[in-house]
Amino acid sequence: MSGGVEWALHCCVVLTSVAEPVPAARLAELHEVSPTYLAKQLQALARAGLVFSVQGKSGGYMLSRPPAEITLLDVVEAIDGPEPAFVCTEIRQRGPVATPAEYCTTPCPISRAMDAAESARRASLSSVTIADLAEQVEISSGEGTLNGVAAWLGTGDA
């Protein structure tokens, strides 16, 4: 997964704590990341319908639906696309001792193992929501952490 996934997930968690739009530049400052690169990640989240942007002086980004309805898989696919991590190219049918095509009627063991891993990855990412992550932030970083972030952002809490 790309680094943009991490950035996007952190922003989604932060956006659970706010009642007003947060400018991309302010989110970049909070995380000490490139404003330009983060803006691209936020735009990808917006295209996927996970956040929306508000234009104008008090504009910025907000979650477009409840955090319990946004999964990690939603964010990963918004940033990196829906393609699987592994794509079989039937390498077994190449080279000096290639397996003849007529023997390749089912996926090879490598492809089957990677398909199973992909299914497990997708199931795992689908089972965790942004709300779950926000709850874990409060547990691991201390109760009120996200309210403190909201206060730092100057938006108040949701």
N, C-alpha and C. Protein backbone atom coordinates (compact mmCIF):
# COMPACT_ATOMS: atom_id res chain seq x y z
N MET A 1 0.85 -1.19 0.00
CA MET A 1 0.00 0.00 0.00
C MET A 1 0.88 1.24 0.00
N SER A 2 0.36 2.26 -0.58
CA SER A 2 1.12 3.51 -0.67
C SER A 2 1.07 4.27 0.66
N GLY A 3 2.00 5.19 0.81
CA GLY A 3 2.01 6.05 1.99
C GLY A 3 0.77 6.92 2.06
N GLY A 4 0.17 7.18 0.91
CA GLY A 4 -1.05 7.98 0.88
C GLY A 4 -2.19 7.35 1.66
N VAL A 5 -2.20 6.02 1.73
CA VAL A 5 -3.24 5.33 2.50
C VAL A 5 -3.12 5.71 3.98
N GLU A 6 -1.90 5.68 4.50
CA GLU A 6 -1.69 6.05 5.91
C GLU A 6 -2.16 7.48 6.15
N TRP A 7 -1.76 8.38 5.29
CA TRP A 7 -2.15 9.78 5.45
C TRP A 7 -3.65 9.95 5.41
N ALA A 8 -4.29 9.27 4.46
CA ALA A 8 -5.74 9.38 4.31
C ALA A 8 -6.46 8.81 5.53
N LEU A 9 -5.98 7.69 6.05
CA LEU A 9 -6.60 7.11 7.24
C LEU A 9 -6.49 8.04 8.44
N HIS A 10 -5.31 8.62 8.63
CA HIS A 10 -5.14 9.56 9.75
C HIS A 10 -6.09 10.75 9.60
N CYS A 11 -6.22 11.26 8.38
CA CYS A 11 -7.13 12.39 8.18
C CYS A 11 -8.57 12.00 8.45
N CYS A 12 -8.98 10.83 8.00
CA CYS A 12 -10.35 10.38 8.26
C CYS A 12 -10.62 10.28 9.77
N VAL A 13 -9.65 9.74 10.51
CA VAL A 13 -9.83 9.64 11.96
C VAL A 13 -9.94 11.03 12.57
N VAL A 14 -9.08 11.94 12.16
CA VAL A 14 -9.13 13.31 12.68
C VAL A 14 -10.48 13.95 12.35
N LEU A 15 -10.99 13.71 11.16
CA LEU A 15 -12.26 14.32 10.76
C LEU A 15 -13.45 13.81 11.56
N THR A 16 -13.28 12.70 12.29
CA THR A 16 -14.37 12.23 13.17
C THR A 16 -14.59 13.19 14.33
N SER A 17 -13.60 14.01 14.63
CA SER A 17 -13.66 14.85 15.82
C SER A 17 -14.12 16.27 15.57
N VAL A 18 -14.42 16.60 14.33
CA VAL A 18 -14.71 18.00 14.03
C VAL A 18 -16.15 18.22 13.62
N ALA A 19 -16.61 19.43 13.86
CA ALA A 19 -17.97 19.81 13.49
C ALA A 19 -17.97 20.77 12.31
N GLU A 20 -16.79 21.24 11.92
CA GLU A 20 -16.66 22.19 10.82
C GLU A 20 -15.60 21.67 9.85
N PRO A 21 -15.64 22.12 8.60
CA PRO A 21 -14.64 21.68 7.62
C PRO A 21 -13.22 22.06 8.05
N VAL A 22 -12.27 21.19 7.71
CA VAL A 22 -10.86 21.42 8.03
C VAL A 22 -10.09 21.59 6.72
N PRO A 23 -9.38 22.71 6.58
CA PRO A 23 -8.60 22.91 5.36
C PRO A 23 -7.49 21.85 5.22
N ALA A 24 -7.23 21.48 3.98
CA ALA A 24 -6.17 20.50 3.72
C ALA A 24 -4.84 20.97 4.29
N ALA A 25 -4.56 22.25 4.18
CA ALA A 25 -3.29 22.78 4.70
C ALA A 25 -3.17 22.59 6.20
N ARG A 26 -4.28 22.72 6.89
CA ARG A 26 -4.26 22.55 8.36
C ARG A 26 -4.04 21.08 8.71
N LEU A 27 -4.66 20.17 7.96
CA LEU A 27 -4.43 18.73 8.18
C LEU A 27 -2.98 18.38 7.90
N ALA A 28 -2.41 18.97 6.86
CA ALA A 28 -1.00 18.72 6.53
C ALA A 28 -0.10 19.23 7.65
N GLU A 29 -0.42 20.40 8.18
CA GLU A 29 0.36 20.96 9.29
C GLU A 29 0.27 20.06 10.52
N LEU A 30 -0.91 19.59 10.82
CA LEU A 30 -1.11 18.70 11.97
C LEU A 30 -0.23 17.46 11.88
N HIS A 31 -0.14 16.89 10.69
CA HIS A 31 0.60 15.64 10.51
C HIS A 31 2.04 15.85 10.02
N GLU A 32 2.41 17.11 9.80
CA GLU A 32 3.73 17.46 9.28
C GLU A 32 4.06 16.67 8.01
N VAL A 33 3.14 16.77 7.04
CA VAL A 33 3.30 16.11 5.74
C VAL A 33 3.15 17.15 4.64
N SER A 34 3.49 16.76 3.43
CA SER A 34 3.42 17.65 2.28
C SER A 34 1.97 18.08 2.00
N PRO A 35 1.70 19.38 2.03
CA PRO A 35 0.33 19.83 1.74
C PRO A 35 -0.14 19.43 0.34
N THR A 36 0.76 19.49 -0.63
CA THR A 36 0.39 19.16 -2.01
C THR A 36 0.02 17.69 -2.14
N TYR A 37 0.84 16.82 -1.56
CA TYR A 37 0.58 15.38 -1.64
C TYR A 37 -0.68 15.02 -0.85
N LEU A 38 -0.85 15.62 0.33
CA LEU A 38 -2.04 15.34 1.12
C LEU A 38 -3.30 15.82 0.41
N ALA A 39 -3.22 16.95 -0.26
CA ALA A 39 -4.39 17.45 -1.01
C ALA A 39 -4.82 16.44 -2.06
N LYS A 40 -3.86 15.77 -2.70
CA LYS A 40 -4.20 14.74 -3.68
C LYS A 40 -4.92 13.57 -3.03
N GLN A 41 -4.50 13.20 -1.84
CA GLN A 41 -5.16 12.09 -1.14
C GLN A 41 -6.58 12.48 -0.75
N LEU A 42 -6.75 13.71 -0.28
CA LEU A 42 -8.08 14.19 0.08
C LEU A 42 -8.99 14.28 -1.14
N GLN A 43 -8.44 14.67 -2.27
CA GLN A 43 -9.23 14.70 -3.50
C GLN A 43 -9.67 13.30 -3.91
N ALA A 44 -8.78 12.32 -3.72
CA ALA A 44 -9.15 10.93 -4.03
C ALA A 44 -10.26 10.45 -3.10
N LEU A 45 -10.18 10.83 -1.82
CA LEU A 45 -11.25 10.48 -0.87
C LEU A 45 -12.56 11.13 -1.28
N ALA A 46 -12.48 12.36 -1.76
CA ALA A 46 -13.70 13.07 -2.21
C ALA A 46 -14.29 12.41 -3.44
N ARG A 47 -13.44 12.02 -4.40
CA ARG A 47 -13.95 11.35 -5.60
C ARG A 47 -14.63 10.04 -5.23
N ALA A 48 -14.17 9.38 -4.18
CA ALA A 48 -14.76 8.12 -3.74
C ALA A 48 -15.99 8.34 -2.86
N GLY A 49 -16.31 9.58 -2.55
CA GLY A 49 -17.48 9.88 -1.74
C GLY A 49 -17.29 9.67 -0.25
N LEU A 50 -16.04 9.62 0.20
CA LEU A 50 -15.78 9.40 1.62
C LEU A 50 -15.68 10.71 2.40
N VAL A 51 -15.26 11.76 1.73
CA VAL A 51 -15.24 13.10 2.30
C VAL A 51 -15.86 14.04 1.28
N PHE A 52 -16.21 15.22 1.74
CA PHE A 52 -16.65 16.26 0.81
C PHE A 52 -15.91 17.53 1.16
N SER A 53 -15.78 18.38 0.16
CA SER A 53 -15.08 19.64 0.41
C SER A 53 -16.07 20.79 0.38
N VAL A 54 -15.78 21.75 1.22
CA VAL A 54 -16.56 22.97 1.29
C VAL A 54 -15.65 24.09 0.81
N GLN A 55 -16.11 24.87 -0.15
CA GLN A 55 -15.31 25.96 -0.71
C GLN A 55 -15.47 27.21 0.16
N GLY A 56 -14.55 28.13 -0.01
CA GLY A 56 -14.67 29.42 0.65
C GLY A 56 -13.72 29.59 1.82
N LYS A 57 -13.84 30.75 2.45
CA LYS A 57 -12.93 31.14 3.54
C LYS A 57 -12.93 30.13 4.67
N SER A 58 -14.08 29.61 5.04
CA SER A 58 -14.14 28.64 6.13
C SER A 58 -14.33 27.23 5.57
N GLY A 59 -13.76 27.01 4.39
CA GLY A 59 -13.90 25.72 3.72
C GLY A 59 -12.89 24.70 4.22
N GLY A 60 -13.02 23.52 3.66
CA GLY A 60 -12.14 22.42 4.02
C GLY A 60 -12.85 21.10 3.77
N TYR A 61 -12.42 20.09 4.49
CA TYR A 61 -12.95 18.73 4.30
C TYR A 61 -13.68 18.24 5.54
N MET A 62 -14.71 17.42 5.27
CA MET A 62 -15.46 16.73 6.32
C MET A 62 -15.78 15.33 5.81
N LEU A 63 -16.03 14.42 6.72
CA LEU A 63 -16.48 13.09 6.31
C LEU A 63 -17.85 13.22 5.67
N SER A 64 -18.10 12.43 4.66
CA SER A 64 -19.39 12.53 3.96
C SER A 64 -20.43 11.56 4.50
N ARG A 65 -20.00 10.65 5.35
CA ARG A 65 -20.95 9.74 5.99
C ARG A 65 -20.42 9.37 7.36
N PRO A 66 -21.24 8.75 8.18
CA PRO A 66 -20.79 8.42 9.54
C PRO A 66 -19.52 7.55 9.50
N PRO A 67 -18.61 7.77 10.44
CA PRO A 67 -17.36 7.01 10.47
C PRO A 67 -17.56 5.51 10.59
N ALA A 68 -18.66 5.08 11.16
CA ALA A 68 -18.95 3.65 11.28
C ALA A 68 -19.33 3.03 9.93
N GLU A 69 -19.55 3.88 8.93
CA GLU A 69 -19.92 3.40 7.59
C GLU A 69 -18.78 3.51 6.59
N ILE A 70 -17.59 3.88 7.06
CA ILE A 70 -16.42 3.97 6.19
C ILE A 70 -15.41 2.93 6.68
N THR A 71 -15.09 1.98 5.82
CA THR A 71 -14.14 0.93 6.20
C THR A 71 -12.73 1.28 5.73
N LEU A 72 -11.77 0.57 6.30
CA LEU A 72 -10.40 0.73 5.84
C LEU A 72 -10.29 0.36 4.36
N LEU A 73 -11.04 -0.64 3.94
CA LEU A 73 -11.01 -1.02 2.52
C LEU A 73 -11.50 0.12 1.64
N ASP A 74 -12.52 0.85 2.09
CA ASP A 74 -13.01 2.00 1.33
C ASP A 74 -11.87 3.00 1.09
N VAL A 75 -11.12 3.28 2.15
CA VAL A 75 -10.03 4.25 2.06
C VAL A 75 -8.90 3.71 1.19
N VAL A 76 -8.51 2.46 1.40
CA VAL A 76 -7.44 1.86 0.60
C VAL A 76 -7.80 1.91 -0.88
N GLU A 77 -9.01 1.53 -1.22
CA GLU A 77 -9.42 1.54 -2.62
C GLU A 77 -9.53 2.95 -3.19
N ALA A 78 -9.91 3.91 -2.35
CA ALA A 78 -9.98 5.30 -2.82
C ALA A 78 -8.59 5.82 -3.18
N ILE A 79 -7.60 5.43 -2.41
CA ILE A 79 -6.24 5.93 -2.63
C ILE A 79 -5.46 5.09 -3.62
N ASP A 80 -5.47 3.78 -3.45
CA ASP A 80 -4.64 2.90 -4.27
C ASP A 80 -5.39 2.18 -5.38
N GLY A 81 -6.71 2.30 -5.40
CA GLY A 81 -7.51 1.62 -6.41
C GLY A 81 -7.96 0.25 -5.95
N PRO A 82 -8.90 -0.35 -6.68
CA PRO A 82 -9.49 -1.62 -6.25
C PRO A 82 -8.72 -2.86 -6.72
N GLU A 83 -7.63 -2.67 -7.46
CA GLU A 83 -6.90 -3.81 -7.99
C GLU A 83 -6.30 -4.64 -6.87
N PRO A 84 -6.23 -5.95 -7.06
CA PRO A 84 -5.59 -6.81 -6.05
C PRO A 84 -4.09 -6.54 -5.99
N ALA A 85 -3.48 -6.88 -4.88
CA ALA A 85 -2.05 -6.67 -4.71
C ALA A 85 -1.24 -7.59 -5.63
N PHE A 86 -1.79 -8.74 -5.98
CA PHE A 86 -1.10 -9.72 -6.82
C PHE A 86 -1.94 -9.99 -8.05
N VAL A 87 -1.31 -10.00 -9.22
CA VAL A 87 -1.99 -10.34 -10.46
C VAL A 87 -1.16 -11.43 -11.14
N CYS A 88 -1.76 -12.58 -11.33
CA CYS A 88 -1.09 -13.70 -11.98
C CYS A 88 -0.88 -13.39 -13.45
N THR A 89 0.33 -13.63 -13.94
CA THR A 89 0.64 -13.42 -15.36
C THR A 89 0.92 -14.73 -16.08
N GLU A 90 0.58 -15.85 -15.44
CA GLU A 90 0.78 -17.18 -16.02
C GLU A 90 2.23 -17.41 -16.46
N ILE A 91 3.15 -17.03 -15.57
CA ILE A 91 4.57 -17.21 -15.85
C ILE A 91 4.93 -18.68 -16.06
N ARG A 92 4.11 -19.58 -15.53
CA ARG A 92 4.38 -21.01 -15.70
C ARG A 92 4.30 -21.45 -17.16
N GLN A 93 3.67 -20.64 -18.00
CA GLN A 93 3.54 -20.96 -19.43
C GLN A 93 4.67 -20.35 -20.27
N ARG A 94 5.70 -19.83 -19.61
CA ARG A 94 6.82 -19.20 -20.32
C ARG A 94 8.10 -19.98 -20.11
N GLY A 95 9.08 -19.67 -20.91
CA GLY A 95 10.42 -20.21 -20.73
C GLY A 95 10.64 -21.54 -21.42
N PRO A 96 11.87 -22.06 -21.27
CA PRO A 96 12.26 -23.28 -21.98
C PRO A 96 11.52 -24.54 -21.52
N VAL A 97 10.99 -24.56 -20.31
CA VAL A 97 10.24 -25.73 -19.84
C VAL A 97 8.82 -25.31 -19.45
N ALA A 98 8.21 -24.47 -20.27
CA ALA A 98 6.88 -23.94 -20.01
C ALA A 98 5.85 -25.06 -19.91
N THR A 99 4.90 -24.87 -19.03
CA THR A 99 3.77 -25.79 -18.92
C THR A 99 2.83 -25.52 -20.08
N PRO A 100 2.46 -26.53 -20.84
CA PRO A 100 1.55 -26.31 -21.97
C PRO A 100 0.20 -25.76 -21.49
N ALA A 101 -0.38 -24.89 -22.30
CA ALA A 101 -1.64 -24.24 -21.95
C ALA A 101 -2.74 -25.23 -21.60
N GLU A 102 -2.77 -26.39 -22.27
CA GLU A 102 -3.84 -27.37 -21.99
C GLU A 102 -3.76 -27.94 -20.57
N TYR A 103 -2.60 -27.81 -19.91
CA TYR A 103 -2.47 -28.26 -18.52
C TYR A 103 -2.78 -27.14 -17.52
N CYS A 104 -3.01 -25.97 -18.03
CA CYS A 104 -3.24 -24.80 -17.18
C CYS A 104 -4.73 -24.44 -17.16
N THR A 105 -5.55 -25.40 -16.81
CA THR A 105 -7.00 -25.17 -16.80
C THR A 105 -7.49 -24.60 -15.48
N THR A 106 -6.67 -24.67 -14.45
CA THR A 106 -7.01 -24.07 -13.15
C THR A 106 -5.84 -23.19 -12.71
N PRO A 107 -6.10 -22.26 -11.82
CA PRO A 107 -5.00 -21.42 -11.33
C PRO A 107 -3.92 -22.28 -10.66
N CYS A 108 -2.68 -21.85 -10.80
CA CYS A 108 -1.57 -22.58 -10.19
C CYS A 108 -1.60 -22.39 -8.68
N PRO A 109 -0.85 -23.21 -7.93
CA PRO A 109 -0.84 -23.10 -6.47
C PRO A 109 -0.43 -21.71 -5.97
N ILE A 110 0.48 -21.07 -6.68
CA ILE A 110 0.90 -19.72 -6.26
C ILE A 110 -0.27 -18.75 -6.41
N SER A 111 -0.93 -18.80 -7.54
CA SER A 111 -2.07 -17.92 -7.77
C SER A 111 -3.19 -18.18 -6.75
N ARG A 112 -3.46 -19.45 -6.46
CA ARG A 112 -4.50 -19.78 -5.47
C ARG A 112 -4.13 -19.24 -4.10
N ALA A 113 -2.87 -19.40 -3.71
CA ALA A 113 -2.43 -18.90 -2.40
C ALA A 113 -2.53 -17.38 -2.33
N MET A 114 -2.14 -16.71 -3.39
CA MET A 114 -2.21 -15.25 -3.41
C MET A 114 -3.66 -14.76 -3.45
N ASP A 115 -4.53 -15.47 -4.14
CA ASP A 115 -5.96 -15.13 -4.15
C ASP A 115 -6.55 -15.27 -2.75
N ALA A 116 -6.14 -16.33 -2.04
CA ALA A 116 -6.62 -16.52 -0.67
C ALA A 116 -6.12 -15.39 0.23
N ALA A 117 -4.87 -15.01 0.06
CA ALA A 117 -4.31 -13.90 0.85
C ALA A 117 -5.04 -12.60 0.55
N GLU A 118 -5.34 -12.37 -0.72
CA GLU A 118 -6.08 -11.16 -1.11
C GLU A 118 -7.47 -11.16 -0.49
N SER A 119 -8.13 -12.29 -0.49
CA SER A 119 -9.46 -12.37 0.13
C SER A 119 -9.38 -12.07 1.62
N ALA A 120 -8.35 -12.60 2.28
CA ALA A 120 -8.18 -12.35 3.72
C ALA A 120 -7.88 -10.87 3.97
N ARG A 121 -7.05 -10.27 3.12
CA ARG A 121 -6.71 -8.85 3.25
C ARG A 121 -7.97 -8.00 3.11
N ARG A 122 -8.75 -8.28 2.10
CA ARG A 122 -9.98 -7.51 1.86
C ARG A 122 -10.98 -7.69 3.02
N ALA A 123 -11.12 -8.92 3.50
CA ALA A 123 -12.03 -9.18 4.61
C ALA A 123 -11.58 -8.43 5.86
N SER A 124 -10.28 -8.45 6.13
CA SER A 124 -9.75 -7.77 7.30
C SER A 124 -9.96 -6.26 7.20
N LEU A 125 -9.64 -5.68 6.05
CA LEU A 125 -9.82 -4.24 5.86
C LEU A 125 -11.30 -3.84 5.90
N SER A 126 -12.17 -4.73 5.46
CA SER A 126 -13.61 -4.44 5.48
C SER A 126 -14.20 -4.52 6.88
N SER A 127 -13.50 -5.20 7.77
CA SER A 127 -14.05 -5.42 9.11
C SER A 127 -13.74 -4.29 10.10
N VAL A 128 -12.92 -3.34 9.69
CA VAL A 128 -12.53 -2.23 10.57
C VAL A 128 -13.02 -0.93 9.95
N THR A 129 -13.66 -0.11 10.78
CA THR A 129 -14.18 1.17 10.30
C THR A 129 -13.36 2.33 10.86
N ILE A 130 -13.59 3.49 10.30
CA ILE A 130 -12.96 4.71 10.81
C ILE A 130 -13.40 4.95 12.25
N ALA A 131 -14.64 4.62 12.57
CA ALA A 131 -15.11 4.76 13.96
C ALA A 131 -14.31 3.85 14.89
N ASP A 132 -14.03 2.62 14.43
CA ASP A 132 -13.21 1.71 15.23
C ASP A 132 -11.83 2.30 15.49
N LEU A 133 -11.23 2.87 14.44
CA LEU A 133 -9.90 3.47 14.60
C LEU A 133 -9.94 4.64 15.57
N ALA A 134 -10.96 5.49 15.44
CA ALA A 134 -11.08 6.64 16.35
C ALA A 134 -11.20 6.17 17.80
N GLU A 135 -11.97 5.13 18.01
CA GLU A 135 -12.11 4.57 19.36
C GLU A 135 -10.76 4.07 19.88
N GLN A 136 -10.01 3.41 19.03
CA GLN A 136 -8.70 2.89 19.42
C GLN A 136 -7.71 4.02 19.69
N VAL A 137 -7.81 5.12 18.95
CA VAL A 137 -6.95 6.28 19.22
C VAL A 137 -7.22 6.79 20.63
N GLU A 138 -8.48 6.88 20.99
CA GLU A 138 -8.82 7.36 22.33
C GLU A 138 -8.30 6.41 23.41
N ILE A 139 -8.33 5.11 23.14
CA ILE A 139 -7.84 4.13 24.11
C ILE A 139 -6.32 4.18 24.21
N SER A 140 -5.66 4.19 23.06
CA SER A 140 -4.20 4.08 23.07
C SER A 140 -3.49 5.41 23.33
N SER A 141 -4.11 6.52 22.99
CA SER A 141 -3.46 7.82 23.16
C SER A 141 -4.05 8.63 24.31
N GLY A 142 -5.10 8.14 24.90
CA GLY A 142 -5.72 8.82 26.03
C GLY A 142 -7.05 9.45 25.67
N GLU A 143 -7.99 9.28 26.59
CA GLU A 143 -9.32 9.85 26.38
C GLU A 143 -9.21 11.35 26.18
N GLY A 144 -9.91 11.85 25.20
CA GLY A 144 -9.90 13.28 24.90
C GLY A 144 -8.86 13.67 23.85
N THR A 145 -8.10 12.69 23.36
CA THR A 145 -7.08 12.99 22.36
C THR A 145 -7.68 13.66 21.14
N LEU A 146 -8.75 13.10 20.61
CA LEU A 146 -9.34 13.67 19.40
C LEU A 146 -9.99 15.03 19.67
N ASN A 147 -10.51 15.24 20.88
CA ASN A 147 -11.02 16.56 21.22
C ASN A 147 -9.88 17.58 21.24
N GLY A 148 -8.72 17.16 21.72
CA GLY A 148 -7.54 18.02 21.70
C GLY A 148 -7.11 18.35 20.29
N VAL A 149 -7.18 17.36 19.41
CA VAL A 149 -6.85 17.59 18.00
C VAL A 149 -7.84 18.58 17.40
N ALA A 150 -9.12 18.39 17.68
CA ALA A 150 -10.14 19.31 17.15
C ALA A 150 -9.90 20.73 17.66
N ALA A 151 -9.53 20.85 18.92
CA ALA A 151 -9.25 22.17 19.48
C ALA A 151 -8.04 22.79 18.79
N TRP A 152 -6.99 22.00 18.55
CA TRP A 152 -5.81 22.50 17.87
C TRP A 152 -6.16 22.97 16.46
N LEU A 153 -7.01 22.21 15.80
CA LEU A 153 -7.44 22.58 14.45
C LEU A 153 -8.31 23.83 14.46
N GLY A 154 -8.86 24.17 15.63
CA GLY A 154 -9.69 25.34 15.74
C GLY A 154 -11.11 25.16 15.25
N THR A 155 -11.58 23.92 15.25
CA THR A 155 -12.91 23.66 14.73
C THR A 155 -13.92 23.31 15.79
N GLY A 156 -13.48 23.04 17.00
CA GLY A 156 -14.41 22.51 18.01
C GLY A 156 -14.68 21.06 17.73
N ASP A 157 -15.25 20.36 18.69
CA ASP A 157 -15.48 18.93 18.48
C ASP A 157 -16.89 18.68 17.97
N ALA A 158 -17.05 17.52 17.34
CA ALA A 158 -18.34 17.15 16.75
C ALA A 158 -19.31 16.68 17.79
